[in-house]
Amino acid sequence: MSQSSKRTYVLKLYVAGNTPESVRALNTLKAILEKEFQGVYALKVIDVLKNPQLAEEDKILATPTLAKVLPPPVRKIIGDLSDREKVLIGLDLLYEEISNNQEEEFPE
């Protein structure tokens, strides 16, 4: 659509070491981001074993946890992120798409 609808999404993925669950969450997330948000996201992966203070500051209680920092509001999802739609809805990334579709279906 217009340039104003292009936002940058800032995401943080908190993992605890290089476990199979952490690797799966990262791979799943990268696949979603490359397909849906190519060029409009920044992803930072934080290993809570190496940076426990960052997990404490951001109130991360379990891993893997994905946090959408920008645009507000902050949203968090815990787990391996295997359910693509749940990830997008949980992070408020599908909201605009759903809203826009409803507006088109039900014009005033």
Protein backbone atom coordinates (compact mmCIF):
# COMPACT_ATOMS: atom_id res chain seq x y z
CA MET A 1 0.00 0.00 0.00
CA SER A 2 1.48 3.38 1.01
CA GLN A 3 4.91 4.06 2.44
CA SER A 4 3.37 4.92 5.82
CA SER A 5 2.20 1.31 6.21
CA LYS A 6 5.82 0.08 6.05
CA ARG A 7 7.07 -0.14 9.63
CA THR A 8 10.15 -1.70 11.09
CA TYR A 9 9.49 -4.49 13.56
CA VAL A 10 12.07 -4.87 16.32
CA LEU A 11 12.10 -8.37 17.79
CA LYS A 12 14.15 -10.14 20.46
CA LEU A 13 14.37 -13.92 20.73
CA TYR A 14 15.51 -15.17 24.13
CA VAL A 15 17.04 -18.65 24.15
CA ALA A 16 18.90 -20.77 26.72
CA GLY A 17 21.92 -22.12 24.91
CA ASN A 18 21.92 -24.02 21.65
CA THR A 19 19.16 -26.52 22.49
CA PRO A 20 17.00 -28.20 19.81
CA GLU A 21 14.02 -26.12 20.98
CA SER A 22 16.03 -22.88 20.68
CA VAL A 23 17.29 -23.78 17.21
CA ARG A 24 13.76 -24.73 16.08
CA ALA A 25 12.33 -21.45 17.40
CA LEU A 26 15.02 -19.43 15.62
CA ASN A 27 14.63 -21.29 12.32
CA THR A 28 10.83 -21.01 12.43
CA LEU A 29 10.99 -17.32 13.27
CA LYS A 30 13.49 -16.58 10.49
CA ALA A 31 11.26 -18.37 7.97
CA ILE A 32 8.22 -16.32 9.05
CA LEU A 33 10.15 -13.05 8.99
CA GLU A 34 11.73 -13.66 5.58
CA LYS A 35 8.35 -14.50 4.09
CA GLU A 36 6.15 -11.89 5.75
CA PHE A 37 8.47 -9.07 6.81
CA GLN A 38 11.41 -9.12 4.42
CA GLY A 39 13.46 -5.97 4.90
CA VAL A 40 11.27 -4.47 7.63
CA TYR A 41 12.49 -6.22 10.75
CA ALA A 42 15.44 -6.27 13.12
CA LEU A 43 16.00 -9.45 15.14
CA LYS A 44 18.30 -9.80 18.12
CA VAL A 45 18.92 -13.26 19.58
CA ILE A 46 19.79 -13.21 23.29
CA ASP A 47 21.23 -16.26 25.04
CA VAL A 48 20.04 -15.95 28.63
CA LEU A 49 22.84 -18.26 29.81
CA LYS A 50 25.41 -15.74 28.56
CA ASN A 51 23.38 -12.60 29.38
CA PRO A 52 21.17 -13.39 32.39
CA GLN A 53 20.88 -9.70 33.29
CA LEU A 54 19.11 -8.97 29.98
CA ALA A 55 16.56 -11.69 30.66
CA GLU A 56 16.02 -10.32 34.17
CA GLU A 57 15.61 -6.73 32.94
CA ASP A 58 13.04 -7.82 30.33
CA LYS A 59 11.26 -10.15 32.80
CA ILE A 60 11.85 -13.30 30.76
CA LEU A 61 10.72 -16.32 32.78
CA ALA A 62 11.01 -19.12 30.18
CA THR A 63 12.79 -19.84 26.93
CA PRO A 64 12.47 -19.65 24.07
CA THR A 65 10.55 -16.38 24.32
CA LEU A 66 9.97 -14.01 21.43
CA ALA A 67 9.35 -10.34 22.26
CA LYS A 68 8.11 -7.73 19.81
CA VAL A 69 9.59 -4.47 21.09
CA LEU A 70 8.51 -2.10 18.30
CA PRO A 71 6.02 -0.96 17.22
CA PRO A 72 4.24 -0.77 20.58
CA PRO A 73 2.66 -2.40 22.47
CA VAL A 74 5.30 -4.92 23.54
CA ARG A 75 4.12 -8.51 22.99
CA LYS A 76 5.71 -11.81 24.08
CA ILE A 77 5.28 -15.42 22.97
CA ILE A 78 6.78 -18.40 24.77
CA GLY A 79 7.59 -21.67 22.98
CA ASP A 80 9.19 -23.00 19.83
CA LEU A 81 7.02 -20.76 17.59
CA SER A 82 5.88 -23.72 15.49
CA ASP A 83 2.35 -22.34 14.97
CA ARG A 84 2.88 -19.53 12.43
CA GLU A 85 -0.57 -17.99 12.74
CA LYS A 86 -0.43 -18.04 16.54
CA VAL A 87 2.94 -16.26 16.38
CA LEU A 88 1.64 -13.55 14.05
CA ILE A 89 -1.58 -12.98 16.00
CA GLY A 90 0.16 -13.18 19.36
CA LEU A 91 2.63 -10.52 18.35
CA ASP A 92 -0.09 -8.31 16.89
CA LEU A 93 1.42 -8.69 13.42
CA LEU A 94 -1.74 -10.00 11.76
CA TYR A 95 -4.07 -7.44 13.33
CA GLU A 96 -3.81 -4.82 10.59
CA GLU A 97 -4.16 -7.42 7.86
CA ILE A 98 -7.31 -8.80 9.51
CA SER A 99 -8.70 -5.28 10.10
CA ASN A 100 -8.06 -4.25 6.51
CA ASN A 101 -9.78 -7.38 5.19
CA GLN A 102 -12.83 -6.78 7.36
CA GLU A 103 -13.07 -3.17 6.19
CA GLU A 104 -13.00 -4.31 2.57
CA GLU A 105 -15.65 -6.96 3.18
CA PHE A 106 -17.98 -4.60 5.04
CA PRO A 107 -17.81 -1.16 3.42
CA GLU A 108 -19.95 1.56 4.98
